[in-house]
Amino acid sequence: MMPVAIDDPADPRLAPYASMRERDLVGRQGRFIVEGEVTLRLMASPGARFRTESVLLAPERWPGLAEVVGRLGAPVYLAGRPVMSAVAGFPIHRGVLAVGLTGAAPEPAAPVPPAPAPALVLGLAGLTNHDNVGACFRNAAAFGADAVLLDAACCDPLYRKAIRVSAGAALITPFARLPEGADWLAVAEALALEPLALSPSGRETLDAAEAPARALLLLGTEGPGLPARLMARARTLRIPMAPGFDSLNVATAGALALHRLAGATGRIALHPAPVPGPDAREDC
């Protein structure tokens, strides 16, 4: 699809990109914004789960991205950076934007492999910080989690900043949202997952705990953490730390736990690759 040059910020074809910061806060009626080359390439990858409505590029970015954009099958608009910045409401430096379509929300069971297949699922409970949600998605992708489940209180992983912090993982990692008031342990039982609640007060240490074949790793918001009623009924894990300090960022703690569970179940290799000998050649 050949690009169309636009030089008027008020052009109605650019309306989905208008006032990006303000509209991020109130929602986009089934749309979301992607920015940067890395995330645009992920939108065009075989693992992408969302369709692209349109692409907006600075003219100089078109030659290097024409092949990628061609795979999206969406209209392409070219606008100078001053026009892009006027539409967005702040300076656009990368010169790469796109509008994605969320589509119908999947049921919580949809992204989870059915039993008895192995499964590693990350559950986010009450995370309202977009940086933390984005980082958790990045961790889930890095350690081979099958899916992410979010409760109704979590912020949107398709918020522009969350996508950016996730390094695009929110675009390719299957996820679903639980209905308001859903009981995490009932969800785990219905999906044949063993719930593992991560907390500084956990009864088992992460390094000594046996990893189940089908696990739901639950992370709570920083400060309050997971609800006490959930902790009382779930298998709880803690990460050993230095005396006098028991606080980790939720995404950091989640990364450690996902690494442990993924390694114990063979999803990632825990041993380093062999070091090439002195006669080995690197053709790169």
Protein backbone atom coordinates (compact mmCIF):
# COMPACT_ATOMS: atom_id res chain seq x y z
CA MET A 1 0.00 0.00 0.00
CA MET A 2 1.52 3.31 -1.10
CA PRO A 3 1.78 6.01 1.57
CA VAL A 4 -0.29 9.18 1.54
CA ALA A 5 1.39 12.49 2.40
CA ILE A 6 -0.52 14.69 4.87
CA ASP A 7 0.54 18.23 5.78
CA ASP A 8 -2.51 19.40 7.76
CA PRO A 9 -2.67 18.45 11.48
CA ALA A 10 -6.45 18.81 11.30
CA ASP A 11 -6.80 16.15 8.60
CA PRO A 12 -9.52 13.76 9.87
CA ARG A 13 -7.41 10.74 8.93
CA LEU A 14 -5.04 11.74 11.75
CA ALA A 15 -7.80 12.09 14.36
CA PRO A 16 -6.97 8.79 16.13
CA TYR A 17 -3.49 10.19 16.89
CA ALA A 18 -4.72 13.52 18.29
CA SER A 19 -3.95 14.63 21.86
CA MET A 20 -2.26 11.34 22.67
CA ARG A 21 -1.46 12.00 26.32
CA GLU A 22 -4.94 13.18 27.26
CA ARG A 23 -6.73 10.43 25.37
CA ASP A 24 -4.47 7.77 26.86
CA LEU A 25 -5.99 8.64 30.22
CA VAL A 26 -9.64 8.33 29.16
CA GLY A 27 -9.43 5.45 26.70
CA ARG A 28 -9.57 5.19 22.94
CA GLN A 29 -12.73 3.18 22.25
CA GLY A 30 -11.07 -0.01 21.09
CA ARG A 31 -7.86 1.59 19.84
CA PHE A 32 -4.35 1.95 21.23
CA ILE A 33 -1.20 3.77 20.16
CA VAL A 34 2.07 2.09 19.21
CA GLU A 35 5.23 4.17 18.97
CA GLY A 36 8.72 3.36 17.78
CA GLU A 37 10.23 0.96 15.25
CA VAL A 38 10.64 -1.98 17.65
CA THR A 39 6.97 -2.09 18.57
CA LEU A 40 5.86 -1.50 14.99
CA ARG A 41 7.91 -4.51 13.87
CA LEU A 42 6.27 -6.59 16.59
CA MET A 43 2.84 -5.53 15.34
CA ALA A 44 3.86 -7.03 11.99
CA SER A 45 5.34 -10.21 13.46
CA PRO A 46 3.67 -13.63 13.19
CA GLY A 47 3.07 -13.63 16.97
CA ALA A 48 1.19 -10.33 17.02
CA ARG A 49 -2.39 -10.62 18.27
CA PHE A 50 -3.73 -7.21 17.21
CA ARG A 51 -4.66 -5.65 13.88
CA THR A 52 -3.30 -2.28 12.77
CA GLU A 53 -5.75 0.43 11.73
CA SER A 54 -3.19 2.87 10.31
CA VAL A 55 0.47 3.86 10.41
CA LEU A 56 1.88 7.40 10.68
CA LEU A 57 5.52 7.92 9.71
CA ALA A 58 7.94 10.77 9.23
CA PRO A 59 8.82 10.69 5.51
CA GLU A 60 12.45 9.71 6.12
CA ARG A 61 11.33 6.58 8.02
CA TRP A 62 9.32 5.17 5.11
CA PRO A 63 12.16 3.62 3.03
CA GLY A 64 13.49 1.57 5.94
CA LEU A 65 10.06 0.42 7.09
CA ALA A 66 8.21 -0.07 3.80
CA GLU A 67 8.56 -3.86 3.85
CA VAL A 68 7.45 -4.11 7.50
CA VAL A 69 4.51 -1.80 7.03
CA GLY A 70 3.48 -3.71 3.93
CA ARG A 71 2.83 -6.78 6.07
CA LEU A 72 0.33 -4.85 8.19
CA GLY A 73 -2.11 -4.22 5.34
CA ALA A 74 -3.08 -0.83 6.80
CA PRO A 75 -3.14 2.70 5.35
CA VAL A 76 0.16 4.56 5.72
CA TYR A 77 0.33 8.31 6.23
CA LEU A 78 3.50 10.40 5.94
CA ALA A 79 3.77 13.65 7.88
CA GLY A 80 6.68 15.83 8.88
CA ARG A 81 7.66 15.85 12.53
CA PRO A 82 6.12 19.31 13.14
CA VAL A 83 2.77 17.96 11.88
CA MET A 84 3.12 14.76 13.91
CA SER A 85 3.97 16.76 17.03
CA ALA A 86 1.05 19.15 16.49
CA VAL A 87 -1.35 16.21 16.21
CA ALA A 88 0.05 14.28 19.18
CA GLY A 89 0.33 17.31 21.45
CA PHE A 90 4.02 16.85 22.29
CA PRO A 91 7.29 16.49 20.33
CA ILE A 92 7.54 13.23 18.38
CA HIS A 93 11.19 12.21 17.98
CA ARG A 94 11.06 8.66 16.64
CA GLY A 95 8.79 9.49 13.72
CA VAL A 96 6.96 6.16 13.99
CA LEU A 97 3.38 5.81 15.23
CA ALA A 98 0.55 3.39 14.58
CA VAL A 99 -3.00 2.80 15.77
CA GLY A 100 -3.84 -0.74 16.85
CA LEU A 101 -7.29 -2.28 17.34
CA THR A 102 -7.93 -4.17 20.57
CA GLY A 103 -10.66 -6.44 19.20
CA ALA A 104 -12.98 -8.45 21.43
CA ALA A 105 -11.71 -9.10 24.96
CA PRO A 106 -10.84 -12.79 25.42
CA GLU A 107 -12.24 -14.91 28.24
CA PRO A 108 -9.72 -15.63 31.06
CA ALA A 109 -9.38 -19.26 29.98
CA ALA A 110 -8.64 -18.42 26.35
CA PRO A 111 -4.87 -17.74 26.58
CA VAL A 112 -4.12 -20.52 29.10
CA PRO A 113 -3.02 -23.93 27.75
CA PRO A 114 -5.65 -26.51 28.76
CA ALA A 115 -4.79 -29.20 31.28
CA PRO A 116 -2.93 -31.48 31.44
CA ALA A 117 -0.41 -29.52 29.31
CA PRO A 118 2.26 -27.63 31.28
CA ALA A 119 1.44 -23.97 31.90
CA LEU A 120 3.13 -20.95 33.43
CA VAL A 121 0.74 -18.03 33.90
CA LEU A 122 1.48 -14.66 35.51
CA GLY A 123 -1.36 -13.12 37.54
CA LEU A 124 -1.32 -9.38 38.27
CA ALA A 125 -3.53 -8.25 41.14
CA GLY A 126 -4.22 -4.54 41.57
CA LEU A 127 -1.17 -3.20 39.69
CA THR A 128 -2.02 0.39 38.78
CA ASN A 129 1.44 1.58 37.74
CA HIS A 130 1.97 1.38 33.98
CA ASP A 131 5.74 0.98 34.33
CA ASN A 132 5.29 -2.06 36.56
CA VAL A 133 2.66 -3.64 34.31
CA GLY A 134 4.84 -3.08 31.25
CA ALA A 135 7.89 -4.53 33.00
CA CYS A 136 5.89 -7.58 34.13
CA PHE A 137 4.86 -8.26 30.54
CA ARG A 138 8.48 -7.96 29.46
CA ASN A 139 9.45 -10.49 32.14
CA ALA A 140 6.66 -12.85 31.10
CA ALA A 141 7.91 -12.83 27.51
CA ALA A 142 11.56 -13.20 28.54
CA PHE A 143 10.90 -16.29 30.66
CA GLY A 144 8.41 -18.01 28.40
CA ALA A 145 5.19 -17.53 30.35
CA ASP A 146 2.16 -18.75 28.42
CA ALA A 147 -0.13 -15.90 29.42
CA VAL A 148 -0.78 -12.98 31.75
CA LEU A 149 -4.05 -12.58 33.63
CA LEU A 150 -5.00 -9.21 35.11
CA ASP A 151 -7.73 -8.42 37.60
CA ALA A 152 -10.21 -5.61 37.04
CA ALA A 153 -8.15 -3.16 39.13
CA CYS A 154 -4.99 -3.41 36.99
CA CYS A 155 -4.18 -0.67 34.53
CA ASP A 156 -4.30 -1.24 30.80
CA PRO A 157 -1.27 -3.09 29.37
CA LEU A 158 -2.04 -1.43 26.03
CA TYR A 159 -1.56 2.05 27.47
CA ARG A 160 1.16 3.67 25.36
CA LYS A 161 3.74 3.81 28.15
CA ALA A 162 3.05 0.24 29.27
CA ILE A 163 3.67 -1.01 25.72
CA ARG A 164 6.92 0.96 25.54
CA VAL A 165 8.19 -0.30 28.92
CA SER A 166 7.27 -3.86 27.95
CA ALA A 167 9.55 -3.53 24.89
CA GLY A 168 6.50 -4.52 22.88
CA ALA A 169 5.84 -7.72 24.85
CA ALA A 170 2.28 -6.55 25.58
CA LEU A 171 1.61 -6.86 21.83
CA ILE A 172 2.65 -10.51 21.55
CA THR A 173 2.08 -12.03 25.02
CA PRO A 174 -1.43 -13.52 25.36
CA PHE A 175 -3.40 -11.87 28.14
CA ALA A 176 -6.92 -11.60 29.47
CA ARG A 177 -8.68 -9.62 32.18
CA LEU A 178 -10.75 -11.13 35.00
CA PRO A 179 -14.24 -9.77 35.70
CA GLU A 180 -14.83 -7.43 38.62
CA GLY A 181 -14.75 -9.27 41.94
CA ALA A 182 -13.28 -12.49 40.54
CA ASP A 183 -11.65 -14.82 43.07
CA TRP A 184 -8.09 -15.64 41.98
CA LEU A 185 -8.13 -19.03 43.67
CA ALA A 186 -11.41 -19.98 42.03
CA VAL A 187 -9.93 -18.95 38.69
CA ALA A 188 -6.85 -21.06 39.37
CA GLU A 189 -8.98 -24.07 40.26
CA ALA A 190 -11.12 -23.70 37.15
CA LEU A 191 -7.99 -23.59 34.98
CA ALA A 192 -6.24 -26.43 36.85
CA LEU A 193 -3.41 -24.10 37.88
CA GLU A 194 -1.62 -24.20 41.23
CA PRO A 195 -1.66 -20.66 42.66
CA LEU A 196 1.68 -19.40 43.99
CA ALA A 197 1.37 -16.12 45.89
CA LEU A 198 4.63 -14.14 46.05
CA SER A 199 5.12 -12.07 49.20
CA PRO A 200 7.88 -11.12 51.69
CA SER A 201 5.83 -13.07 54.26
CA GLY A 202 5.62 -16.23 52.16
CA ARG A 203 5.88 -19.53 53.99
CA GLU A 204 8.26 -21.19 51.47
CA THR A 205 11.43 -19.78 50.01
CA LEU A 206 11.46 -19.42 46.26
CA ASP A 207 14.77 -21.22 45.76
CA ALA A 208 13.64 -24.30 47.73
CA ALA A 209 10.07 -24.54 46.49
CA GLU A 210 9.07 -27.30 44.10
CA ALA A 211 7.74 -25.85 40.87
CA PRO A 212 4.37 -27.25 39.75
CA ALA A 213 3.79 -28.22 36.13
CA ARG A 214 0.87 -25.81 35.93
CA ALA A 215 1.50 -22.65 37.92
CA LEU A 216 -0.26 -19.32 38.41
CA LEU A 217 2.28 -16.87 39.86
CA LEU A 218 0.38 -14.11 41.66
CA LEU A 219 1.89 -10.64 42.17
CA GLY A 220 0.24 -7.88 44.20
CA THR A 221 0.64 -4.15 44.10
CA GLU A 222 3.57 -2.60 45.95
CA GLY A 223 2.81 -1.64 49.53
CA PRO A 224 -0.42 -3.51 50.34
CA GLY A 225 0.62 -6.60 48.37
CA LEU A 226 -1.80 -9.47 47.87
CA PRO A 227 -4.99 -9.55 49.97
CA ALA A 228 -4.67 -11.35 53.32
CA ARG A 229 -7.64 -13.60 52.52
CA LEU A 230 -5.86 -14.81 49.39
CA MET A 231 -2.55 -15.31 51.21
CA ALA A 232 -4.30 -17.40 53.87
CA ARG A 233 -5.63 -19.85 51.28
CA ALA A 234 -2.80 -20.00 48.72
CA ARG A 235 0.64 -21.56 48.64
CA THR A 236 2.93 -18.62 49.43
CA LEU A 237 6.52 -17.99 48.37
CA ARG A 238 9.12 -15.47 49.48
CA ILE A 239 12.47 -14.35 48.08
CA PRO A 240 15.24 -14.49 50.73
CA MET A 241 16.86 -11.08 51.24
CA ALA A 242 19.43 -9.41 53.45
CA PRO A 243 18.43 -8.91 57.10
CA GLY A 244 16.54 -5.72 57.79
CA PHE A 245 15.22 -5.21 54.25
CA ASP A 246 12.46 -7.14 52.54
CA SER A 247 11.34 -4.89 49.70
CA LEU A 248 11.74 -5.42 45.95
CA ASN A 249 10.02 -3.69 43.09
CA VAL A 250 7.12 -5.94 42.04
CA ALA A 251 8.47 -6.39 38.52
CA THR A 252 11.92 -7.31 39.86
CA ALA A 253 10.45 -9.82 42.28
CA GLY A 254 8.30 -11.23 39.50
CA ALA A 255 11.32 -11.61 37.23
CA LEU A 256 13.18 -13.62 39.87
CA ALA A 257 10.19 -15.87 40.46
CA LEU A 258 9.48 -16.39 36.76
CA HIS A 259 13.14 -17.24 36.14
CA ARG A 260 13.03 -19.81 38.93
CA LEU A 261 9.79 -21.41 37.75
CA ALA A 262 10.75 -21.34 34.08
CA GLY A 263 14.14 -22.91 34.81
CA ALA A 264 12.72 -25.59 37.06
CA THR A 265 10.21 -26.65 34.42
CA GLY A 266 12.63 -26.58 31.50
CA ARG A 267 11.26 -23.50 29.75
CA ILE A 268 14.66 -21.85 29.74
CA ALA A 269 18.19 -23.23 29.88
CA LEU A 270 19.85 -22.59 33.23
CA HIS A 271 23.33 -23.55 32.06
CA PRO A 272 25.48 -21.20 29.96
CA ALA A 273 26.13 -21.99 26.32
CA PRO A 274 29.55 -23.53 25.59
CA VAL A 275 32.29 -20.97 25.09
CA PRO A 276 33.75 -21.18 21.55
CA GLY A 277 37.28 -22.54 21.40
CA PRO A 278 40.24 -20.55 20.10
CA ASP A 279 39.68 -21.83 16.55
CA ALA A 280 35.99 -20.95 16.45
CA ARG A 281 34.91 -18.34 13.92
CA GLU A 282 32.22 -15.73 14.29
CA ASP A 283 30.62 -14.82 10.99
CA CYS A 284 28.69 -11.80 12.14
